[in-house]
């Protein structure tokens, strides 16, 4: 990300998001750039905390079931627990004057409502990174083999997110944007 703009406009934009005045929630399909962009967003703020949903979900050390795993009812129960934990952490962190930046795949309206209900009064700023599905696949192939997420329904995830979230979120087509440009765009549009 470019250095913080010392001009009044740049400072005002960051100030609107900083010190726990907002909660940034960045979602999108696998390979959309969420981890890179949320790291840049968190680094651009004076006081921020990066809440990685994958990390929070994996706090379940024994009996962990990934979100699309089996048994499906246990996977759904653990996703619900992760969502609750992310919301509680975000509230605690924001109340301490630190801006939470959440990185997590939220695939449907029901899960989005959990975040909107719990965090709406805290200044929730939801963002969907929605690059071209082919770009998600290409980005995933560039990852270290241990970090790849083999998935073939990026277009379906984006379509379901459009149906589920509509205009309730900031949509960012980051196909032709660098991670820094994407983070800058999110700051610009989320701070207003």
N, C-alpha and C. Protein backbone atom coordinates (compact mmCIF):
# COMPACT_ATOMS: atom_id res chain seq x y z
N UNK A 1 0.85 -1.17 0.00
CA UNK A 1 0.00 0.00 0.00
C UNK A 1 0.89 1.23 0.00
N UNK A 2 0.42 2.25 -0.65
CA UNK A 2 1.19 3.49 -0.66
C UNK A 2 1.22 4.08 0.73
N UNK A 3 2.25 4.86 1.04
CA UNK A 3 2.30 5.47 2.37
C UNK A 3 1.06 6.32 2.63
N UNK A 4 0.73 6.48 3.89
CA UNK A 4 -0.43 7.29 4.25
C UNK A 4 -0.27 8.68 3.68
N UNK A 5 -1.29 9.14 2.99
CA UNK A 5 -1.30 10.45 2.35
C UNK A 5 -1.36 11.53 3.44
N UNK A 6 -0.37 12.42 3.48
CA UNK A 6 -0.38 13.44 4.53
C UNK A 6 -1.38 14.55 4.28
N UNK A 7 -2.02 14.55 3.12
CA UNK A 7 -2.98 15.60 2.84
C UNK A 7 -4.21 15.44 3.73
N UNK A 8 -4.96 16.53 3.93
CA UNK A 8 -6.13 16.45 4.81
C UNK A 8 -7.15 15.42 4.35
N UNK A 9 -7.33 15.27 3.02
CA UNK A 9 -8.31 14.31 2.52
C UNK A 9 -7.88 12.89 2.86
N UNK A 10 -6.62 12.53 2.55
CA UNK A 10 -6.12 11.20 2.85
C UNK A 10 -6.17 10.90 4.34
N UNK A 11 -5.76 11.86 5.14
CA UNK A 11 -5.79 11.69 6.59
C UNK A 11 -7.21 11.54 7.10
N UNK A 12 -8.12 12.31 6.56
CA UNK A 12 -9.52 12.24 6.98
C UNK A 12 -10.11 10.89 6.63
N UNK A 13 -9.75 10.34 5.48
CA UNK A 13 -10.28 9.03 5.09
C UNK A 13 -9.80 7.96 6.05
N UNK A 14 -8.51 7.95 6.31
CA UNK A 14 -7.98 6.95 7.24
C UNK A 14 -8.53 7.17 8.64
N UNK A 15 -8.66 8.42 9.05
CA UNK A 15 -9.17 8.74 10.39
C UNK A 15 -10.59 8.19 10.57
N UNK A 16 -11.39 8.20 9.51
CA UNK A 16 -12.76 7.70 9.59
C UNK A 16 -12.82 6.20 9.86
N UNK A 17 -11.75 5.50 9.54
CA UNK A 17 -11.72 4.05 9.74
C UNK A 17 -10.87 3.64 10.93
N UNK A 18 -10.04 4.54 11.43
CA UNK A 18 -9.03 4.19 12.42
C UNK A 18 -9.58 4.26 13.84
N UNK A 19 -8.79 3.72 14.76
CA UNK A 19 -9.05 3.80 16.20
C UNK A 19 -10.40 3.20 16.59
N UNK A 20 -10.79 2.11 15.94
CA UNK A 20 -12.02 1.42 16.29
C UNK A 20 -13.28 2.10 15.84
N UNK A 21 -13.18 3.06 14.90
CA UNK A 21 -14.36 3.78 14.42
C UNK A 21 -15.14 2.96 13.38
N UNK A 22 -14.55 1.87 12.92
CA UNK A 22 -15.19 1.04 11.91
C UNK A 22 -14.70 -0.39 12.09
N UNK A 23 -15.42 -1.30 11.45
CA UNK A 23 -14.97 -2.69 11.36
C UNK A 23 -15.00 -3.04 9.89
N UNK A 24 -13.85 -3.37 9.34
CA UNK A 24 -13.75 -3.75 7.93
C UNK A 24 -13.90 -5.26 7.83
N UNK A 25 -14.80 -5.70 6.98
CA UNK A 25 -15.04 -7.12 6.74
C UNK A 25 -14.82 -7.38 5.26
N UNK A 26 -13.78 -8.14 4.93
CA UNK A 26 -13.44 -8.40 3.53
C UNK A 26 -13.69 -9.88 3.24
N UNK A 27 -14.54 -10.13 2.26
CA UNK A 27 -14.87 -11.49 1.86
C UNK A 27 -14.73 -11.62 0.35
N UNK A 28 -14.95 -12.79 -0.14
CA UNK A 28 -14.83 -13.08 -1.57
C UNK A 28 -14.46 -14.54 -1.74
N UNK A 29 -14.42 -15.01 -2.98
CA UNK A 29 -14.10 -16.42 -3.22
C UNK A 29 -12.63 -16.71 -2.94
N UNK A 30 -12.28 -17.98 -2.84
CA UNK A 30 -10.87 -18.34 -2.68
C UNK A 30 -10.04 -17.76 -3.83
N UNK A 31 -8.89 -17.19 -3.50
CA UNK A 31 -8.01 -16.63 -4.53
C UNK A 31 -8.35 -15.20 -4.92
N UNK A 32 -9.31 -14.59 -4.24
CA UNK A 32 -9.70 -13.21 -4.58
C UNK A 32 -8.68 -12.19 -4.11
N UNK A 33 -7.83 -12.56 -3.17
CA UNK A 33 -6.82 -11.63 -2.64
C UNK A 33 -7.12 -11.12 -1.26
N UNK A 34 -8.04 -11.77 -0.55
CA UNK A 34 -8.47 -11.30 0.76
C UNK A 34 -7.33 -11.17 1.76
N UNK A 35 -6.51 -12.20 1.86
CA UNK A 35 -5.43 -12.19 2.86
C UNK A 35 -4.42 -11.08 2.60
N UNK A 36 -4.04 -10.92 1.36
CA UNK A 36 -3.08 -9.87 1.01
C UNK A 36 -3.67 -8.49 1.25
N UNK A 37 -4.90 -8.29 0.80
CA UNK A 37 -5.54 -6.97 0.91
C UNK A 37 -5.85 -6.63 2.37
N UNK A 38 -6.32 -7.59 3.16
CA UNK A 38 -6.62 -7.27 4.56
C UNK A 38 -5.34 -6.96 5.34
N UNK A 39 -4.25 -7.62 4.99
CA UNK A 39 -2.97 -7.29 5.63
C UNK A 39 -2.57 -5.86 5.31
N UNK A 40 -2.70 -5.47 4.05
CA UNK A 40 -2.37 -4.10 3.65
C UNK A 40 -3.30 -3.08 4.33
N UNK A 41 -4.58 -3.40 4.40
CA UNK A 41 -5.53 -2.50 5.07
C UNK A 41 -5.14 -2.31 6.53
N UNK A 42 -4.88 -3.41 7.21
CA UNK A 42 -4.52 -3.33 8.62
C UNK A 42 -3.23 -2.53 8.82
N UNK A 43 -2.27 -2.70 7.92
CA UNK A 43 -1.01 -1.97 8.04
C UNK A 43 -1.17 -0.48 7.76
N UNK A 44 -2.21 -0.09 7.05
CA UNK A 44 -2.39 1.33 6.71
C UNK A 44 -2.98 2.13 7.87
N UNK A 45 -3.54 1.44 8.85
CA UNK A 45 -4.17 2.11 9.99
C UNK A 45 -3.20 2.21 11.16
N UNK A 46 -3.40 3.24 11.99
CA UNK A 46 -2.52 3.42 13.15
C UNK A 46 -2.73 2.31 14.18
N UNK A 47 -3.98 1.94 14.42
CA UNK A 47 -4.31 0.89 15.38
C UNK A 47 -5.29 -0.06 14.72
N UNK A 48 -4.82 -1.27 14.46
CA UNK A 48 -5.69 -2.25 13.80
C UNK A 48 -5.35 -3.65 14.27
N UNK A 49 -6.28 -4.55 14.08
CA UNK A 49 -6.08 -5.97 14.37
C UNK A 49 -6.61 -6.75 13.18
N UNK A 50 -5.82 -7.70 12.72
CA UNK A 50 -6.21 -8.54 11.60
C UNK A 50 -6.83 -9.82 12.15
N UNK A 51 -8.10 -10.04 11.83
CA UNK A 51 -8.82 -11.23 12.29
C UNK A 51 -8.99 -12.18 11.11
N UNK A 52 -8.17 -13.21 11.07
CA UNK A 52 -8.18 -14.19 10.00
C UNK A 52 -9.17 -15.30 10.36
N UNK A 53 -10.27 -15.37 9.63
CA UNK A 53 -11.29 -16.37 9.92
C UNK A 53 -10.78 -17.79 9.86
N UNK A 54 -9.87 -18.08 8.94
CA UNK A 54 -9.31 -19.43 8.86
C UNK A 54 -8.56 -19.77 10.15
N UNK A 55 -7.81 -18.81 10.66
CA UNK A 55 -7.07 -19.03 11.91
C UNK A 55 -8.04 -19.25 13.08
N UNK A 56 -9.07 -18.41 13.15
CA UNK A 56 -10.05 -18.52 14.24
C UNK A 56 -10.77 -19.86 14.16
N UNK A 57 -11.13 -20.28 12.95
CA UNK A 57 -11.82 -21.57 12.79
C UNK A 57 -10.94 -22.72 13.26
N UNK A 58 -9.64 -22.62 13.01
CA UNK A 58 -8.71 -23.69 13.36
C UNK A 58 -8.29 -23.66 14.84
N UNK A 59 -8.91 -22.79 15.62
CA UNK A 59 -8.70 -22.87 17.07
C UNK A 59 -9.27 -24.18 17.61
N UNK A 60 -10.20 -24.77 16.86
CA UNK A 60 -10.68 -26.10 17.21
C UNK A 60 -9.55 -27.06 16.86
N UNK A 61 -8.85 -27.53 17.88
CA UNK A 61 -7.63 -28.31 17.66
C UNK A 61 -7.92 -29.79 17.41
N UNK A 62 -8.92 -30.31 18.04
CA UNK A 62 -9.26 -31.72 17.87
C UNK A 62 -10.71 -31.79 17.42
N UNK A 63 -10.94 -32.46 16.32
CA UNK A 63 -12.30 -32.56 15.79
C UNK A 63 -12.65 -31.48 14.80
N UNK A 64 -11.64 -30.72 14.34
CA UNK A 64 -11.89 -29.65 13.37
C UNK A 64 -12.45 -30.23 12.08
N UNK A 65 -13.47 -29.56 11.55
CA UNK A 65 -14.04 -29.91 10.25
C UNK A 65 -14.06 -28.62 9.43
N UNK A 66 -13.43 -28.63 8.26
CA UNK A 66 -13.40 -27.43 7.45
C UNK A 66 -14.79 -27.12 6.92
N UNK A 67 -15.08 -25.86 6.51
CA UNK A 67 -16.43 -25.45 6.18
C UNK A 67 -17.18 -26.30 5.15
N UNK A 68 -16.48 -26.92 4.23
CA UNK A 68 -17.16 -27.77 3.24
C UNK A 68 -16.95 -29.25 3.54
N UNK A 69 -16.48 -29.55 4.76
CA UNK A 69 -16.15 -30.92 5.13
C UNK A 69 -17.34 -31.72 5.63
N UNK A 70 -17.04 -32.94 6.02
CA UNK A 70 -18.04 -33.87 6.53
C UNK A 70 -17.67 -34.26 7.96
N UNK A 71 -18.65 -34.49 8.79
CA UNK A 71 -20.08 -34.40 8.54
C UNK A 71 -20.54 -32.94 8.39
N UNK A 72 -21.46 -32.72 7.49
CA UNK A 72 -21.90 -31.37 7.13
C UNK A 72 -22.48 -30.63 8.33
N UNK A 73 -23.22 -31.34 9.20
CA UNK A 73 -23.82 -30.64 10.35
C UNK A 73 -22.74 -30.14 11.31
N UNK A 74 -21.64 -30.89 11.46
CA UNK A 74 -20.54 -30.44 12.32
C UNK A 74 -19.80 -29.28 11.67
N UNK A 75 -19.62 -29.34 10.34
CA UNK A 75 -18.98 -28.23 9.63
C UNK A 75 -19.79 -26.95 9.81
N UNK A 76 -21.12 -27.05 9.68
CA UNK A 76 -21.99 -25.88 9.85
C UNK A 76 -21.91 -25.36 11.28
N UNK A 77 -21.86 -26.24 12.27
CA UNK A 77 -21.79 -25.83 13.67
C UNK A 77 -20.48 -25.09 13.93
N UNK A 78 -19.38 -25.58 13.35
CA UNK A 78 -18.09 -24.93 13.56
C UNK A 78 -17.99 -23.60 12.81
N UNK A 79 -18.62 -23.50 11.64
CA UNK A 79 -18.66 -22.21 10.93
C UNK A 79 -19.43 -21.20 11.76
N UNK A 80 -20.57 -21.62 12.31
CA UNK A 80 -21.37 -20.72 13.15
C UNK A 80 -20.56 -20.26 14.37
N UNK A 81 -19.82 -21.17 14.98
CA UNK A 81 -18.97 -20.82 16.12
C UNK A 81 -17.90 -19.82 15.70
N UNK A 82 -17.27 -20.05 14.57
CA UNK A 82 -16.25 -19.12 14.07
C UNK A 82 -16.85 -17.74 13.83
N UNK A 83 -18.03 -17.69 13.21
CA UNK A 83 -18.69 -16.40 12.96
C UNK A 83 -18.95 -15.67 14.28
N UNK A 84 -19.46 -16.39 15.28
CA UNK A 84 -19.72 -15.78 16.58
C UNK A 84 -18.43 -15.27 17.22
N UNK A 85 -17.37 -16.07 17.12
CA UNK A 85 -16.09 -15.67 17.70
C UNK A 85 -15.51 -14.45 16.99
N UNK A 86 -15.60 -14.42 15.67
CA UNK A 86 -15.12 -13.25 14.93
C UNK A 86 -15.87 -11.99 15.34
N UNK A 87 -17.19 -12.10 15.49
CA UNK A 87 -17.99 -10.94 15.89
C UNK A 87 -17.62 -10.49 17.30
N UNK A 88 -17.48 -11.43 18.23
CA UNK A 88 -17.14 -11.07 19.61
C UNK A 88 -15.75 -10.43 19.68
N UNK A 89 -14.79 -11.01 18.97
CA UNK A 89 -13.44 -10.43 18.94
C UNK A 89 -13.47 -9.03 18.33
N UNK A 90 -14.18 -8.88 17.24
CA UNK A 90 -14.25 -7.56 16.58
C UNK A 90 -14.84 -6.52 17.53
N UNK A 91 -15.90 -6.87 18.25
CA UNK A 91 -16.49 -5.93 19.21
C UNK A 91 -15.50 -5.57 20.31
N UNK A 92 -14.83 -6.56 20.86
CA UNK A 92 -13.87 -6.31 21.94
C UNK A 92 -12.73 -5.43 21.45
N UNK A 93 -12.24 -5.71 20.28
CA UNK A 93 -11.11 -4.95 19.73
C UNK A 93 -11.54 -3.52 19.41
N UNK A 94 -12.70 -3.36 18.78
CA UNK A 94 -13.19 -2.02 18.45
C UNK A 94 -13.44 -1.21 19.72
N UNK A 95 -13.95 -1.85 20.78
CA UNK A 95 -14.21 -1.12 22.02
C UNK A 95 -12.91 -0.66 22.69
N UNK A 96 -11.79 -1.27 22.31
CA UNK A 96 -10.48 -0.85 22.83
C UNK A 96 -9.84 0.22 21.94
N UNK A 97 -10.59 0.71 20.94
CA UNK A 97 -10.06 1.76 20.07
C UNK A 97 -9.13 1.25 18.98
N UNK A 98 -9.29 -0.01 18.63
CA UNK A 98 -8.48 -0.63 17.58
C UNK A 98 -9.42 -1.11 16.48
N UNK A 99 -9.07 -0.83 15.24
CA UNK A 99 -9.93 -1.20 14.12
C UNK A 99 -9.74 -2.66 13.72
N UNK A 100 -10.81 -3.48 13.83
CA UNK A 100 -10.73 -4.85 13.36
C UNK A 100 -10.83 -4.91 11.83
N UNK A 101 -9.99 -5.73 11.23
CA UNK A 101 -10.05 -6.00 9.79
C UNK A 101 -10.23 -7.51 9.67
N UNK A 102 -11.43 -7.93 9.23
CA UNK A 102 -11.79 -9.35 9.19
C UNK A 102 -11.59 -9.90 7.78
N UNK A 103 -10.94 -11.06 7.69
CA UNK A 103 -10.71 -11.80 6.45
C UNK A 103 -11.41 -13.15 6.59
N UNK A 104 -12.51 -13.33 5.83
CA UNK A 104 -13.28 -14.57 6.00
C UNK A 104 -14.22 -14.73 4.83
N UNK A 105 -14.41 -15.94 4.38
CA UNK A 105 -15.38 -16.21 3.30
C UNK A 105 -16.77 -16.30 3.93
N UNK A 106 -17.65 -15.41 3.48
CA UNK A 106 -19.04 -15.41 3.94
C UNK A 106 -19.89 -15.70 2.70
N UNK A 107 -20.32 -16.95 2.53
CA UNK A 107 -20.90 -17.37 1.27
C UNK A 107 -22.39 -17.11 1.08
N UNK A 108 -23.11 -16.69 2.13
CA UNK A 108 -24.55 -16.57 1.97
C UNK A 108 -25.13 -15.47 2.86
N UNK A 109 -26.38 -15.16 2.60
CA UNK A 109 -27.07 -14.09 3.32
C UNK A 109 -27.20 -14.39 4.81
N UNK A 110 -27.51 -15.64 5.15
CA UNK A 110 -27.70 -15.99 6.57
C UNK A 110 -26.44 -15.68 7.37
N UNK A 111 -25.27 -16.04 6.84
CA UNK A 111 -24.03 -15.74 7.56
C UNK A 111 -23.74 -14.24 7.57
N UNK A 112 -24.05 -13.56 6.48
CA UNK A 112 -23.85 -12.11 6.43
C UNK A 112 -24.70 -11.42 7.49
N UNK A 113 -25.93 -11.89 7.69
CA UNK A 113 -26.83 -11.29 8.68
C UNK A 113 -26.24 -11.41 10.09
N UNK A 114 -25.53 -12.50 10.37
CA UNK A 114 -24.88 -12.65 11.68
C UNK A 114 -23.93 -11.47 11.92
N UNK A 115 -23.09 -11.17 10.91
CA UNK A 115 -22.13 -10.08 11.04
C UNK A 115 -22.83 -8.72 11.05
N UNK A 116 -23.80 -8.54 10.17
CA UNK A 116 -24.50 -7.25 10.10
C UNK A 116 -25.24 -6.95 11.40
N UNK A 117 -25.85 -7.97 11.98
CA UNK A 117 -26.59 -7.79 13.23
C UNK A 117 -25.64 -7.50 14.40
N UNK A 118 -24.58 -8.28 14.49
CA UNK A 118 -23.65 -8.12 15.62
C UNK A 118 -22.78 -6.87 15.50
N UNK A 119 -22.45 -6.48 14.28
CA UNK A 119 -21.44 -5.43 14.09
C UNK A 119 -21.95 -4.17 13.41
N UNK A 120 -23.19 -4.15 12.99
CA UNK A 120 -23.72 -2.99 12.28
C UNK A 120 -23.61 -1.70 13.05
N UNK A 121 -23.90 -1.74 14.34
CA UNK A 121 -23.82 -0.53 15.17
C UNK A 121 -22.38 -0.10 15.43
N UNK A 122 -21.44 -0.96 15.14
CA UNK A 122 -20.02 -0.68 15.36
C UNK A 122 -19.37 -0.09 14.11
N UNK A 123 -20.15 0.20 13.08
CA UNK A 123 -19.61 0.79 11.86
C UNK A 123 -19.08 -0.25 10.89
N UNK A 124 -19.81 -1.36 10.75
CA UNK A 124 -19.39 -2.41 9.83
C UNK A 124 -19.29 -1.89 8.40
N UNK A 125 -18.15 -2.17 7.77
CA UNK A 125 -17.90 -1.81 6.36
C UNK A 125 -17.62 -3.11 5.60
N UNK A 126 -18.66 -3.78 5.07
CA UNK A 126 -18.44 -5.04 4.36
C UNK A 126 -17.99 -4.81 2.92
N UNK A 127 -17.02 -5.62 2.50
CA UNK A 127 -16.43 -5.50 1.17
C UNK A 127 -16.36 -6.91 0.56
N UNK A 128 -16.76 -7.03 -0.70
CA UNK A 128 -16.57 -8.29 -1.43
C UNK A 128 -15.55 -8.05 -2.53
N UNK A 129 -14.45 -8.80 -2.47
CA UNK A 129 -13.49 -8.79 -3.57
C UNK A 129 -14.03 -9.77 -4.61
N UNK A 130 -14.28 -9.27 -5.80
CA UNK A 130 -14.92 -10.09 -6.84
C UNK A 130 -14.17 -9.98 -8.16
N UNK A 131 -12.92 -10.46 -8.20
CA UNK A 131 -12.21 -10.45 -9.48
C UNK A 131 -12.81 -11.50 -10.42
N UNK A 132 -12.41 -11.43 -11.66
CA UNK A 132 -12.83 -12.44 -12.63
C UNK A 132 -12.45 -13.82 -12.09
N UNK A 133 -13.36 -14.81 -12.18
CA UNK A 133 -13.05 -16.15 -11.66
C UNK A 133 -11.74 -16.73 -12.20
N UNK A 134 -11.41 -16.47 -13.45
CA UNK A 134 -10.15 -16.98 -14.01
C UNK A 134 -8.96 -16.37 -13.27
N UNK A 135 -9.09 -15.13 -12.83
CA UNK A 135 -8.02 -14.48 -12.07
C UNK A 135 -7.85 -15.15 -10.71
N UNK A 136 -8.96 -15.55 -10.07
CA UNK A 136 -8.87 -16.28 -8.80
C UNK A 136 -8.09 -17.58 -8.97
N UNK A 137 -8.38 -18.29 -10.05
CA UNK A 137 -7.70 -19.56 -10.32
C UNK A 137 -6.21 -19.29 -10.55
N UNK A 138 -5.89 -18.28 -11.35
CA UNK A 138 -4.49 -17.95 -11.63
C UNK A 138 -3.75 -17.55 -10.35
N UNK A 139 -4.39 -16.76 -9.50
CA UNK A 139 -3.76 -16.34 -8.24
C UNK A 139 -3.51 -17.54 -7.34
N UNK A 140 -4.47 -18.46 -7.30
CA UNK A 140 -4.31 -19.64 -6.48
C UNK A 140 -3.13 -20.49 -6.96
N UNK A 141 -2.95 -20.59 -8.25
CA UNK A 141 -1.83 -21.37 -8.80
C UNK A 141 -0.48 -20.75 -8.47
N UNK A 142 -0.45 -19.44 -8.22
CA UNK A 142 0.80 -18.76 -7.89
C UNK A 142 1.19 -18.95 -6.42
N UNK A 143 0.27 -19.41 -5.61
CA UNK A 143 0.54 -19.61 -4.19
C UNK A 143 1.50 -20.79 -3.98
N UNK A 144 2.16 -20.77 -2.84
CA UNK A 144 2.94 -21.93 -2.42
C UNK A 144 1.99 -23.13 -2.39
N UNK A 145 2.50 -24.27 -2.77
CA UNK A 145 1.66 -25.47 -2.87
C UNK A 145 0.92 -25.78 -1.57
N UNK A 146 1.52 -25.50 -0.43
CA UNK A 146 0.88 -25.77 0.86
C UNK A 146 -0.27 -24.80 1.15
N UNK A 147 -0.32 -23.68 0.43
CA UNK A 147 -1.36 -22.69 0.67
C UNK A 147 -2.44 -22.69 -0.39
N UNK A 148 -2.34 -23.55 -1.37
CA UNK A 148 -3.34 -23.60 -2.44
C UNK A 148 -4.64 -24.18 -1.92
N UNK A 149 -5.71 -23.68 -2.50
CA UNK A 149 -7.05 -24.15 -2.15
C UNK A 149 -7.70 -24.57 -3.45
N UNK A 150 -7.73 -25.87 -3.71
CA UNK A 150 -8.30 -26.36 -4.96
C UNK A 150 -9.81 -26.22 -4.92
N UNK A 151 -10.31 -25.43 -5.84
CA UNK A 151 -11.71 -25.05 -5.86
C UNK A 151 -12.06 -24.69 -7.29
N UNK A 152 -13.24 -25.04 -7.75
CA UNK A 152 -13.57 -24.79 -9.15
C UNK A 152 -14.92 -24.09 -9.36
N UNK A 153 -15.45 -23.44 -8.33
CA UNK A 153 -16.74 -22.78 -8.48
C UNK A 153 -16.67 -21.30 -8.11
N UNK A 154 -15.60 -20.63 -8.51
CA UNK A 154 -15.45 -19.21 -8.20
C UNK A 154 -16.61 -18.39 -8.76
N UNK A 155 -17.00 -18.67 -10.00
CA UNK A 155 -18.11 -17.92 -10.61
C UNK A 155 -19.39 -18.15 -9.83
N UNK A 156 -19.62 -19.38 -9.37
CA UNK A 156 -20.81 -19.68 -8.58
C UNK A 156 -20.82 -18.95 -7.25
N UNK A 157 -19.66 -18.89 -6.59
CA UNK A 157 -19.57 -18.19 -5.31
C UNK A 157 -19.87 -16.71 -5.50
N UNK A 158 -19.27 -16.11 -6.53
CA UNK A 158 -19.50 -14.68 -6.78
C UNK A 158 -20.97 -14.44 -7.11
N UNK A 159 -21.57 -15.31 -7.92
CA UNK A 159 -23.00 -15.15 -8.26
C UNK A 159 -23.87 -15.26 -7.02
N UNK A 160 -23.58 -16.24 -6.15
CA UNK A 160 -24.37 -16.39 -4.91
C UNK A 160 -24.17 -15.19 -3.99
N UNK A 161 -22.95 -14.65 -3.95
CA UNK A 161 -22.71 -13.47 -3.13
C UNK A 161 -23.47 -12.26 -3.67
N UNK A 162 -23.52 -12.11 -5.00
CA UNK A 162 -24.30 -11.01 -5.59
C UNK A 162 -25.76 -11.13 -5.20
N UNK A 163 -26.28 -12.34 -5.28
CA UNK A 163 -27.68 -12.57 -4.93
C UNK A 163 -27.91 -12.33 -3.44
N UNK A 164 -26.98 -12.75 -2.61
CA UNK A 164 -27.15 -12.67 -1.16
C UNK A 164 -26.94 -11.26 -0.60
N UNK A 165 -25.98 -10.51 -1.15
CA UNK A 165 -25.59 -9.24 -0.55
C UNK A 165 -26.09 -8.03 -1.31
N UNK A 166 -26.21 -8.15 -2.64
CA UNK A 166 -26.67 -7.03 -3.43
C UNK A 166 -25.90 -5.76 -3.16
N UNK A 167 -26.63 -4.69 -2.88
CA UNK A 167 -26.02 -3.37 -2.66
C UNK A 167 -25.66 -3.13 -1.19
N UNK A 168 -25.79 -4.16 -0.34
CA UNK A 168 -25.47 -4.00 1.07
C UNK A 168 -23.98 -4.03 1.37
N UNK A 169 -23.17 -4.26 0.34
CA UNK A 169 -21.71 -4.34 0.51
C UNK A 169 -21.03 -3.52 -0.58
N UNK A 170 -19.77 -3.22 -0.36
CA UNK A 170 -18.95 -2.59 -1.38
C UNK A 170 -18.38 -3.69 -2.26
N UNK A 171 -18.66 -3.63 -3.55
CA UNK A 171 -18.15 -4.61 -4.50
C UNK A 171 -16.90 -4.05 -5.14
N UNK A 172 -15.82 -4.84 -5.14
CA UNK A 172 -14.56 -4.41 -5.74
C UNK A 172 -14.11 -5.47 -6.75
N UNK A 173 -14.13 -5.11 -8.02
CA UNK A 173 -13.57 -5.97 -9.05
C UNK A 173 -12.08 -5.68 -9.10
N UNK A 174 -11.32 -6.57 -8.50
CA UNK A 174 -9.87 -6.35 -8.39
C UNK A 174 -9.07 -7.07 -9.47
N UNK A 175 -9.75 -7.45 -10.53
CA UNK A 175 -9.09 -8.21 -11.60
C UNK A 175 -7.83 -7.52 -12.09
N UNK A 176 -7.93 -6.22 -12.35
CA UNK A 176 -6.81 -5.48 -12.94
C UNK A 176 -6.17 -4.51 -11.95
N UNK A 177 -6.41 -4.73 -10.66
CA UNK A 177 -5.83 -3.87 -9.63
C UNK A 177 -4.75 -4.63 -8.87
N UNK A 178 -3.70 -3.93 -8.49
CA UNK A 178 -2.71 -4.53 -7.60
C UNK A 178 -3.34 -4.62 -6.21
N UNK A 179 -2.77 -5.42 -5.32
CA UNK A 179 -3.28 -5.44 -3.94
C UNK A 179 -3.27 -4.06 -3.31
N UNK A 180 -2.23 -3.28 -3.57
CA UNK A 180 -2.14 -1.92 -3.01
C UNK A 180 -3.26 -1.03 -3.55
N UNK A 181 -3.51 -1.11 -4.86
CA UNK A 181 -4.59 -0.32 -5.44
C UNK A 181 -5.94 -0.75 -4.89
N UNK A 182 -6.11 -2.04 -4.68
CA UNK A 182 -7.36 -2.56 -4.12
C UNK A 182 -7.57 -2.03 -2.70
N UNK A 183 -6.53 -2.10 -1.88
CA UNK A 183 -6.63 -1.60 -0.50
C UNK A 183 -6.92 -0.10 -0.49
N UNK A 184 -6.23 0.66 -1.34
CA UNK A 184 -6.47 2.10 -1.42
C UNK A 184 -7.92 2.40 -1.81
N UNK A 185 -8.45 1.65 -2.77
CA UNK A 185 -9.84 1.83 -3.21
C UNK A 185 -10.82 1.53 -2.07
N UNK A 186 -10.54 0.48 -1.30
CA UNK A 186 -11.41 0.15 -0.18
C UNK A 186 -11.39 1.26 0.87
N UNK A 187 -10.22 1.80 1.17
CA UNK A 187 -10.14 2.91 2.13
C UNK A 187 -10.94 4.09 1.60
N UNK A 188 -10.74 4.44 0.34
CA UNK A 188 -11.42 5.59 -0.25
C UNK A 188 -12.93 5.45 -0.18
N UNK A 189 -13.43 4.27 -0.56
CA UNK A 189 -14.89 4.08 -0.62
C UNK A 189 -15.52 3.74 0.72
N UNK A 190 -14.78 3.13 1.62
CA UNK A 190 -15.34 2.75 2.92
C UNK A 190 -15.36 3.89 3.91
N UNK A 191 -14.50 4.86 3.71
CA UNK A 191 -14.40 5.96 4.67
C UNK A 191 -15.46 7.02 4.46
N UNK A 192 -16.16 6.97 3.37
CA UNK A 192 -17.16 8.02 3.10
C UNK A 192 -18.51 7.68 3.65
